[in-house]
């Protein structure tokens, strides 16, 4: 897997932006208010307008950075998911190309692996599958085998809800599930959630796709509901304000 360049987490960047905006707003308001008072005028109404303009302008600049800039540790969530029927994973055995390849979990939760035969993998995470294959290969086939396993697609019925929700984690998928139902399964939004800035990461044959979803507008009936799919990762970032 190619190295992923380091990116500062979005929540840290948001906090720094928020602090800078508040400092700028405070100093500007003080200077503006003093100048108006020297002329014998009240600063009150003007201060509110100026503060609102500064904060809205600053928040727009942050939001316009795009959903792709929000830090979502998608790969870690996927590799920590237990496998089920239909899921695909890639096995790599060092210097053993005949033992390396992509496997799909059967409806019975098993795979057919060279030399070993039938191996039950349902309910295991990627690291556990690697350990199991390593153990079996060391039993008379290879000396000190080096085995890695990477999940490619999650087709079994599970979803992930992460970020600013009350109980983030992995949840069972139900047919025709909507994003509102998914957020509800996770206990609803946390206090600092950006309710109209949810990101759905979807894995398919072409790779990762990130889809912005205005959840709060959906809940108010102002936008069409969004149906999630098995394997979707829903991330709710922290609000800017």
Protein backbone atom coordinates (compact mmCIF):
# COMPACT_ATOMS: atom_id res chain seq x y z
CA UNK A 1 0.00 0.00 0.00
CA UNK A 2 1.51 3.44 -0.94
CA UNK A 3 2.49 5.71 1.90
CA UNK A 4 -0.16 8.24 2.85
CA UNK A 5 1.25 11.76 3.33
CA UNK A 6 0.87 13.15 6.82
CA UNK A 7 -2.00 15.58 7.20
CA UNK A 8 -2.81 17.60 10.27
CA UNK A 9 -6.15 16.43 11.73
CA UNK A 10 -9.03 18.70 10.81
CA UNK A 11 -10.15 19.28 14.39
CA UNK A 12 -6.78 20.77 15.30
CA UNK A 13 -6.84 23.05 12.27
CA UNK A 14 -10.42 24.10 13.07
CA UNK A 15 -9.51 24.97 16.66
CA UNK A 16 -6.56 27.08 15.50
CA UNK A 17 -8.74 28.86 12.92
CA UNK A 18 -11.45 29.47 15.53
CA UNK A 19 -8.95 30.94 18.01
CA UNK A 20 -7.40 33.18 15.36
CA UNK A 21 -10.82 34.44 14.28
CA UNK A 22 -11.85 35.23 17.83
CA UNK A 23 -8.60 37.10 18.51
CA UNK A 24 -8.95 39.04 15.27
CA UNK A 25 -12.59 39.81 15.99
CA UNK A 26 -11.83 40.96 19.53
CA UNK A 27 -8.98 43.29 18.57
CA UNK A 28 -10.86 44.72 15.58
CA UNK A 29 -14.01 45.33 17.61
CA UNK A 30 -12.06 47.09 20.36
CA UNK A 31 -10.33 49.36 17.87
CA UNK A 32 -13.52 50.01 15.91
CA UNK A 33 -15.56 50.65 19.06
CA UNK A 34 -13.00 53.09 20.45
CA UNK A 35 -12.93 55.07 17.21
CA UNK A 36 -16.73 55.30 17.11
CA UNK A 37 -16.94 56.36 20.76
CA UNK A 38 -14.38 59.11 20.20
CA UNK A 39 -16.88 60.58 17.74
CA UNK A 40 -19.61 60.35 20.38
CA UNK A 41 -21.42 57.43 18.71
CA UNK A 42 -22.50 54.09 20.15
CA UNK A 43 -20.52 51.07 19.00
CA UNK A 44 -23.12 48.44 19.98
CA UNK A 45 -24.99 47.77 16.69
CA UNK A 46 -21.86 48.07 14.58
CA UNK A 47 -19.93 45.68 16.81
CA UNK A 48 -22.52 42.90 16.36
CA UNK A 49 -22.54 43.32 12.58
CA UNK A 50 -18.74 43.33 12.40
CA UNK A 51 -18.39 40.24 14.60
CA UNK A 52 -20.95 38.34 12.54
CA UNK A 53 -19.21 39.26 9.27
CA UNK A 54 -15.82 38.20 10.58
CA UNK A 55 -17.01 34.86 11.89
CA UNK A 56 -19.13 33.99 8.86
CA UNK A 57 -16.36 34.97 6.48
CA UNK A 58 -13.78 32.95 8.39
CA UNK A 59 -16.02 29.89 8.64
CA UNK A 60 -16.79 29.97 4.95
CA UNK A 61 -13.09 29.94 4.15
CA UNK A 62 -12.62 26.91 6.35
CA UNK A 63 -15.61 25.01 5.00
CA UNK A 64 -14.65 25.70 1.39
CA UNK A 65 -11.50 23.64 1.90
CA UNK A 66 -13.67 20.66 0.93
CA UNK A 67 -14.76 17.40 2.49
CA UNK A 68 -11.64 15.65 1.21
CA UNK A 69 -9.59 17.71 3.69
CA UNK A 70 -11.43 16.29 6.70
CA UNK A 71 -9.23 13.72 8.43
CA UNK A 72 -11.04 10.37 8.46
CA UNK A 73 -8.98 7.33 9.40
CA UNK A 74 -10.91 5.10 7.01
CA UNK A 75 -8.28 2.41 6.58
CA UNK A 76 -7.90 1.81 10.30
CA UNK A 77 -11.66 1.42 10.71
CA UNK A 78 -11.83 -1.05 7.84
CA UNK A 79 -8.92 -3.17 9.03
CA UNK A 80 -10.46 -3.29 12.52
CA UNK A 81 -13.76 -4.65 11.17
CA UNK A 82 -14.57 -8.31 11.57
CA UNK A 83 -15.03 -10.22 8.33
CA UNK A 84 -18.28 -11.70 7.07
CA UNK A 85 -19.66 -13.44 3.94
CA UNK A 86 -18.89 -11.53 0.75
CA UNK A 87 -15.97 -9.55 2.19
CA UNK A 88 -12.72 -9.55 0.19
CA UNK A 89 -9.21 -9.47 1.59
CA UNK A 90 -5.71 -9.69 0.17
CA UNK A 91 -3.21 -12.18 1.62
CA UNK A 92 0.51 -11.63 1.06
CA UNK A 93 3.13 -14.20 2.07
CA UNK A 94 6.70 -12.96 1.77
CA UNK A 95 8.53 -14.58 -1.16
CA UNK A 96 5.63 -16.99 -1.72
CA UNK A 97 3.56 -15.68 -4.68
CA UNK A 98 1.68 -18.99 -4.96
CA UNK A 99 0.33 -18.43 -1.46
CA UNK A 100 -0.57 -14.76 -2.06
CA UNK A 101 -3.81 -13.49 -3.54
CA UNK A 102 -7.31 -12.12 -3.00
CA UNK A 103 -9.92 -14.23 -1.19
CA UNK A 104 -13.68 -13.79 -0.80
CA UNK A 105 -15.40 -15.04 2.33
CA UNK A 106 -17.96 -17.70 1.38
CA UNK A 107 -21.58 -17.75 2.63
CA UNK A 108 -20.40 -20.23 5.28
CA UNK A 109 -17.72 -17.79 6.50
CA UNK A 110 -14.76 -19.70 5.05
CA UNK A 111 -12.04 -19.51 2.38
CA UNK A 112 -10.10 -22.19 0.51
CA UNK A 113 -6.40 -21.56 1.01
CA UNK A 114 -3.51 -23.30 -0.81
CA UNK A 115 -1.83 -26.13 1.13
CA UNK A 116 -4.06 -25.59 4.18
CA UNK A 117 -7.52 -26.10 2.69
CA UNK A 118 -10.69 -24.72 4.29
CA UNK A 119 -10.14 -21.93 6.84
CA UNK A 120 -12.93 -20.26 8.83
CA UNK A 121 -12.42 -16.49 8.93
CA UNK A 122 -15.89 -15.11 9.72
CA UNK A 123 -15.81 -12.93 12.82
CA UNK A 124 -12.05 -12.36 12.62
CA UNK A 125 -10.31 -9.06 11.88
CA UNK A 126 -7.49 -8.80 9.33
CA UNK A 127 -4.69 -9.16 11.89
CA UNK A 128 -6.31 -12.29 13.34
CA UNK A 129 -6.62 -13.88 9.90
CA UNK A 130 -2.93 -13.19 9.29
CA UNK A 131 -2.00 -14.79 12.61
CA UNK A 132 -4.17 -17.84 11.88
CA UNK A 133 -2.65 -18.39 8.43
CA UNK A 134 0.83 -17.84 9.82
CA UNK A 135 0.21 -20.49 12.46
CA UNK A 136 -1.16 -23.04 9.98
CA UNK A 137 1.61 -22.46 7.42
CA UNK A 138 4.23 -22.98 10.13
CA UNK A 139 2.80 -26.43 10.84
CA UNK A 140 4.93 -28.34 8.35
CA UNK A 141 4.75 -26.06 5.29
CA UNK A 142 6.95 -22.99 5.84
CA UNK A 143 9.57 -22.01 8.38
CA UNK A 144 8.82 -18.62 9.96
CA UNK A 145 6.24 -17.46 7.34
CA UNK A 146 5.63 -13.71 7.11
CA UNK A 147 1.94 -13.13 6.38
CA UNK A 148 0.01 -9.87 5.99
CA UNK A 149 -3.72 -9.41 5.35
CA UNK A 150 -5.44 -6.27 4.07
CA UNK A 151 -9.21 -5.92 3.71
CA UNK A 152 -10.20 -4.78 0.22
CA UNK A 153 -14.00 -4.52 0.39
CA UNK A 154 -16.59 -4.97 3.12
CA UNK A 155 -19.74 -6.42 1.59
CA UNK A 156 -21.11 -8.03 4.72
CA UNK A 157 -23.85 -6.08 6.42
CA UNK A 158 -22.17 -3.59 8.73
CA UNK A 159 -21.64 0.17 8.80
CA UNK A 160 -19.44 2.52 10.80
CA UNK A 161 -20.48 5.79 12.46
CA UNK A 162 -17.49 7.79 13.72
CA UNK A 163 -16.65 11.27 14.96
CA UNK A 164 -18.98 13.59 16.87
CA UNK A 165 -21.71 11.11 17.81
CA UNK A 166 -22.53 9.87 21.30
CA UNK A 167 -21.56 6.20 20.79
CA UNK A 168 -19.28 5.85 17.74
CA UNK A 169 -18.61 2.36 16.48
CA UNK A 170 -19.65 -0.45 14.13
CA UNK A 171 -23.33 -1.29 13.71
CA UNK A 172 -25.43 -3.90 11.93
CA UNK A 173 -26.82 -2.79 8.60
CA UNK A 174 -30.54 -3.18 7.86
CA UNK A 175 -32.11 -3.15 4.42
CA UNK A 176 -32.96 0.35 3.15
CA UNK A 177 -31.20 1.98 6.10
CA UNK A 178 -30.95 5.77 5.93
CA UNK A 179 -28.24 8.04 7.30
CA UNK A 180 -30.69 9.39 9.90
CA UNK A 181 -31.22 5.84 11.18
CA UNK A 182 -27.47 5.24 11.20
CA UNK A 183 -26.78 8.36 13.28
CA UNK A 184 -29.60 7.37 15.63
CA UNK A 185 -27.98 3.95 16.13
CA UNK A 186 -24.85 5.80 17.26
CA UNK A 187 -26.82 7.64 19.93
CA UNK A 188 -27.41 10.80 17.91
CA UNK A 189 -25.19 13.84 17.49
CA UNK A 190 -22.77 14.92 20.19
CA UNK A 191 -22.90 18.50 21.44
CA UNK A 192 -20.14 19.75 19.12
CA UNK A 193 -21.29 17.90 15.98
CA UNK A 194 -21.47 19.65 12.61
CA UNK A 195 -24.95 18.38 11.79
CA UNK A 196 -24.91 19.38 8.13
CA UNK A 197 -21.34 18.37 7.36
CA UNK A 198 -21.37 14.55 7.55
CA UNK A 199 -19.07 12.62 5.21
CA UNK A 200 -19.97 9.17 3.94
CA UNK A 201 -16.94 7.22 2.73
CA UNK A 202 -17.88 4.41 0.37
CA UNK A 203 -15.51 1.71 -0.85
CA UNK A 204 -16.05 0.10 -4.24
CA UNK A 205 -14.02 -1.38 -7.08
CA UNK A 206 -12.78 2.08 -8.11
CA UNK A 207 -11.53 2.97 -4.61
CA UNK A 208 -12.79 5.43 -2.00
CA UNK A 209 -15.57 7.96 -2.62
CA UNK A 210 -16.52 10.66 -0.12
CA UNK A 211 -20.07 11.97 -0.19
CA UNK A 212 -21.19 15.06 1.76
CA UNK A 213 -24.61 14.70 3.41
CA UNK A 214 -26.65 17.47 5.13
CA UNK A 215 -28.11 15.27 7.87
CA UNK A 216 -29.82 18.02 9.86
CA UNK A 217 -31.62 19.32 6.76
CA UNK A 218 -32.80 15.78 6.05
CA UNK A 219 -34.14 15.52 9.60
CA UNK A 220 -36.04 18.79 9.11
CA UNK A 221 -37.53 17.61 5.82
CA UNK A 222 -35.53 20.16 3.81
CA UNK A 223 -33.45 17.62 1.86
CA UNK A 224 -33.95 14.17 0.38
CA UNK A 225 -32.96 11.32 2.68
CA UNK A 226 -29.74 9.46 1.95
CA UNK A 227 -29.58 5.66 1.95
CA UNK A 228 -26.42 4.06 3.30
CA UNK A 229 -24.91 0.87 1.98
CA UNK A 230 -23.15 -2.02 3.74
CA UNK A 231 -19.57 -1.04 4.51
CA UNK A 232 -20.24 2.72 4.51
CA UNK A 233 -18.25 4.81 6.96
CA UNK A 234 -20.12 7.85 8.25
CA UNK A 235 -17.95 10.54 9.83
CA UNK A 236 -19.42 13.52 11.70
CA UNK A 237 -16.80 16.24 12.22
CA UNK A 238 -16.74 18.85 14.96
CA UNK A 239 -18.59 22.07 14.25
CA UNK A 240 -16.53 25.10 13.29
CA UNK A 241 -18.30 27.41 15.72
